[in-house]
Protein backbone atom coordinates (compact mmCIF):
# COMPACT_ATOMS: atom_id res chain seq x y z
CA MET A 1 -10.62 270.94 289.84
CA THR A 2 -9.94 273.71 292.35
CA VAL A 3 -12.37 274.85 295.02
CA THR A 4 -10.72 278.32 295.04
CA ASP A 5 -7.55 279.84 293.69
CA THR A 6 -5.81 280.69 296.98
CA ALA A 7 -1.99 280.72 296.78
CA GLU A 8 -0.35 277.53 298.04
CA LEU A 9 2.76 277.80 300.23
CA ARG A 10 3.76 274.17 300.88
CA THR A 11 2.41 270.90 299.53
CA PHE A 12 2.77 267.43 301.10
CA ALA A 13 2.24 264.12 299.31
CA THR A 14 0.22 261.39 300.98
CA ASP A 15 1.68 260.59 304.38
CA GLU A 16 1.74 256.79 304.27
CA ASP A 17 2.11 256.52 308.05
CA LEU A 18 -0.59 259.06 308.90
CA LEU A 19 -3.32 257.95 306.45
CA PRO A 20 -3.93 254.48 307.96
CA ARG A 21 -4.04 255.92 311.47
CA VAL A 22 -6.60 258.56 310.45
CA LEU A 23 -8.76 255.86 308.82
CA ALA A 24 -8.38 253.36 311.69
CA PRO A 25 -11.81 254.19 313.24
CA TYR A 26 -13.57 253.14 310.03
CA LYS A 27 -14.55 249.58 309.26
CA VAL A 28 -12.14 248.15 306.67
CA HIS A 29 -14.76 248.05 303.90
CA CYS A 30 -15.55 251.76 304.57
CA ARG A 31 -12.05 253.15 304.08
CA TYR A 32 -12.61 255.05 300.84
CA LEU A 33 -9.74 257.60 300.93
CA LEU A 34 -6.76 256.32 298.92
CA THR A 35 -4.42 259.32 298.54
CA ALA A 36 -4.40 262.84 299.95
CA GLU A 37 -2.11 265.73 298.99
CA VAL A 38 -2.28 268.58 301.51
CA SER A 39 -1.31 272.17 300.81
CA GLY A 40 -0.80 275.00 303.26
CA LEU A 41 -2.34 278.22 301.96
CA ALA A 42 -1.02 281.76 302.25
CA ASP A 43 -3.89 282.80 304.56
CA GLY A 44 -3.12 280.26 307.32
CA LEU A 45 -5.65 277.77 305.99
CA SER A 46 -5.16 274.44 304.20
CA ARG A 47 -6.50 272.30 301.35
CA VAL A 48 -6.48 268.61 300.42
CA ARG A 49 -6.72 266.97 297.00
CA ALA A 50 -7.65 263.32 297.27
CA THR A 51 -8.53 260.16 295.39
CA PHE A 52 -11.24 257.72 296.47
CA SER A 53 -12.70 254.37 295.58
CA ILE A 54 -15.90 252.85 296.89
CA PRO A 55 -15.95 249.33 295.43
CA GLU A 56 -19.21 248.47 297.21
CA SER A 57 -21.58 250.58 299.28
CA CYS A 58 -21.45 249.85 302.99
CA TYR A 59 -25.22 250.11 303.44
CA ILE A 60 -27.24 249.81 300.22
CA ASP A 61 -27.37 247.88 296.96
CA ASP A 62 -25.34 249.42 294.13
CA THR A 63 -26.90 252.66 292.94
CA GLY A 64 -24.30 253.14 290.20
CA HIS A 65 -23.42 256.61 291.45
CA LEU A 66 -22.01 258.38 294.49
CA ASN A 67 -24.87 259.05 296.90
CA ALA A 68 -25.38 261.48 299.76
CA VAL A 69 -24.31 259.07 302.53
CA GLU A 70 -21.06 258.20 300.73
CA VAL A 71 -20.42 261.91 300.02
CA ASN A 72 -20.56 262.51 303.77
CA ILE A 73 -18.32 259.54 304.65
CA ALA A 74 -15.76 260.58 302.02
CA TYR A 75 -15.92 264.17 303.33
CA ASN A 76 -15.29 262.97 306.89
CA GLN A 77 -12.24 260.93 305.84
CA MET A 78 -10.84 263.82 303.76
CA MET A 79 -11.50 266.32 306.57
CA TYR A 80 -9.95 264.17 309.30
CA TYR A 81 -6.84 263.63 307.17
CA LEU A 82 -6.63 267.36 306.34
CA VAL A 83 -6.86 268.34 310.01
CA ALA A 84 -4.31 265.71 311.10
CA LYS A 85 -1.78 266.60 308.40
CA SER A 86 -2.32 270.33 309.00
CA VAL A 87 -1.67 269.83 312.72
CA LYS A 88 1.41 267.70 312.01
CA GLU A 89 2.87 270.33 309.64
CA GLY A 90 1.68 273.45 311.52
CA LEU A 91 -0.46 274.67 308.57
CA LEU A 92 -3.83 275.63 310.04
CA THR A 93 -4.71 278.81 311.91
CA GLY A 94 -6.44 278.09 315.21
CA PHE A 95 -4.63 274.78 315.78
CA GLU A 96 -1.10 276.04 316.43
CA SER A 97 -1.03 274.58 319.93
CA TRP A 98 -2.31 271.15 318.87
CA THR A 99 -0.12 268.06 318.57
CA LEU A 100 -1.05 264.87 316.80
CA GLU A 101 -1.91 263.42 320.20
CA ASP A 102 -4.44 266.21 320.61
CA PHE A 103 -5.94 265.34 317.22
CA TRP A 104 -6.25 261.60 318.10
CA ARG A 105 -7.94 262.49 321.40
CA HIS A 106 -10.45 264.83 319.72
CA GLN A 107 -10.96 263.05 316.36
CA LEU A 108 -14.19 261.19 317.08
CA PRO A 109 -15.83 262.80 320.13
CA ASP A 110 -15.07 266.49 319.57
CA ILE A 111 -15.10 267.22 315.83
CA LEU A 112 -18.67 267.75 314.76
CA ILE A 113 -20.31 268.57 311.44
CA ALA A 114 -22.66 271.40 312.44
CA ARG A 115 -24.00 271.93 308.90
CA PHE A 116 -23.55 269.93 305.69
CA ALA A 117 -24.86 270.75 302.21
CA SER A 118 -24.38 268.93 298.90
CA ARG A 119 -25.27 269.75 295.31
CA PHE A 120 -25.17 266.99 292.71
CA GLN A 121 -24.76 268.35 289.16
CA ARG A 122 -23.93 265.08 287.38
CA PRO A 123 -23.61 261.51 288.72
CA VAL A 124 -20.13 260.65 290.07
CA ASP A 125 -18.63 257.16 289.64
CA PRO A 126 -18.04 255.91 293.21
CA ARG A 127 -15.44 253.35 292.12
CA ASP A 128 -12.94 255.96 290.94
CA PHE A 129 -13.30 259.63 291.84
CA ARG A 130 -11.32 262.54 293.16
CA GLY A 131 -12.15 265.08 295.82
CA GLU A 132 -10.95 268.38 297.09
CA MET A 133 -11.67 270.18 300.34
CA GLU A 134 -10.43 273.39 301.87
CA PHE A 135 -10.82 275.40 305.00
CA ARG A 136 -12.35 278.79 304.16
CA SER A 137 -12.26 280.20 307.72
CA VAL A 138 -11.38 279.18 311.25
CA ASP A 139 -12.75 281.14 314.22
CA ARG A 140 -11.88 280.46 317.87
CA ARG A 141 -14.67 281.36 320.29
CA SER A 142 -15.42 280.94 323.99
CA PRO A 143 -19.20 280.86 324.45
CA GLY A 144 -19.99 280.47 328.15
CA GLY A 145 -16.24 280.30 328.82
CA LYS A 146 -15.78 277.01 326.94
CA PRO A 147 -13.31 277.18 324.06
CA LEU A 148 -14.77 276.26 320.66
CA VAL A 149 -13.40 276.41 317.12
CA MET A 150 -15.83 276.92 314.24
CA ALA A 151 -14.59 276.31 310.69
CA THR A 152 -16.22 276.75 307.31
CA THR A 153 -15.18 274.42 304.52
CA ALA A 154 -15.95 273.79 300.86
CA TYR A 155 -15.60 270.53 298.97
CA ARG A 156 -15.98 269.11 295.49
CA TYR A 157 -16.00 265.62 293.93
CA GLY A 158 -15.55 264.66 290.29
CA ASP A 159 -14.70 261.79 288.01
CA ALA A 160 -13.22 261.15 284.55
CA GLN A 161 -16.69 261.18 282.94
CA GLY A 162 -17.51 264.72 284.11
CA GLY A 163 -19.49 263.72 287.21
CA ARG A 164 -19.68 266.49 289.77
CA CYS A 165 -20.87 267.10 293.31
CA ASP A 166 -19.92 270.01 295.53
CA GLY A 167 -20.97 271.62 298.76
CA GLU A 168 -20.08 273.32 302.00
CA ALA A 169 -19.80 272.19 305.60
CA THR A 170 -19.41 273.98 308.91
CA LEU A 171 -17.39 272.20 311.53
CA ALA A 172 -17.45 272.66 315.31
CA PHE A 173 -14.42 271.57 317.33
CA VAL A 174 -15.73 271.32 320.90
CA ASN A 175 -14.05 270.62 324.25
CA ILE A 176 -10.93 272.32 322.92
CA THR A 177 -8.44 273.56 325.50
């Protein structure tokens, strides 16, 4: 399950110290991301391959399949981890000056999903699924003199039974110095 076939330069197994810190803002029963392998790509971008489990929905009775709300929550967790690990390892274009302290400061108030789209082809088992996300582009701008980073991403989820959901998201990193 590969979003694209971009050449990988370096790959990092799940950072057992970083993952809990990235997930700390989430309520304990909403921490779905279990593992996350990050790869730096040849074009200054990065990718994550992850595993998830949602034993019980945080807001609705059991639907028996991954739903749109959980897709978004899983995406957020995967994206936050990918940005944090990319900052820590110096993998992502546009974030070369960031430290992990910068990430922690910006994680919740300044990283926005500007656009989010999902396509469900086949139901995905929420109790045991895998995901993948990658940055497709990162563009630093200064509209009105305020620095802003816009990023396009693609993601995909699947399970052992052939379930599949994929989509794209555009991120806005605001209040960036």
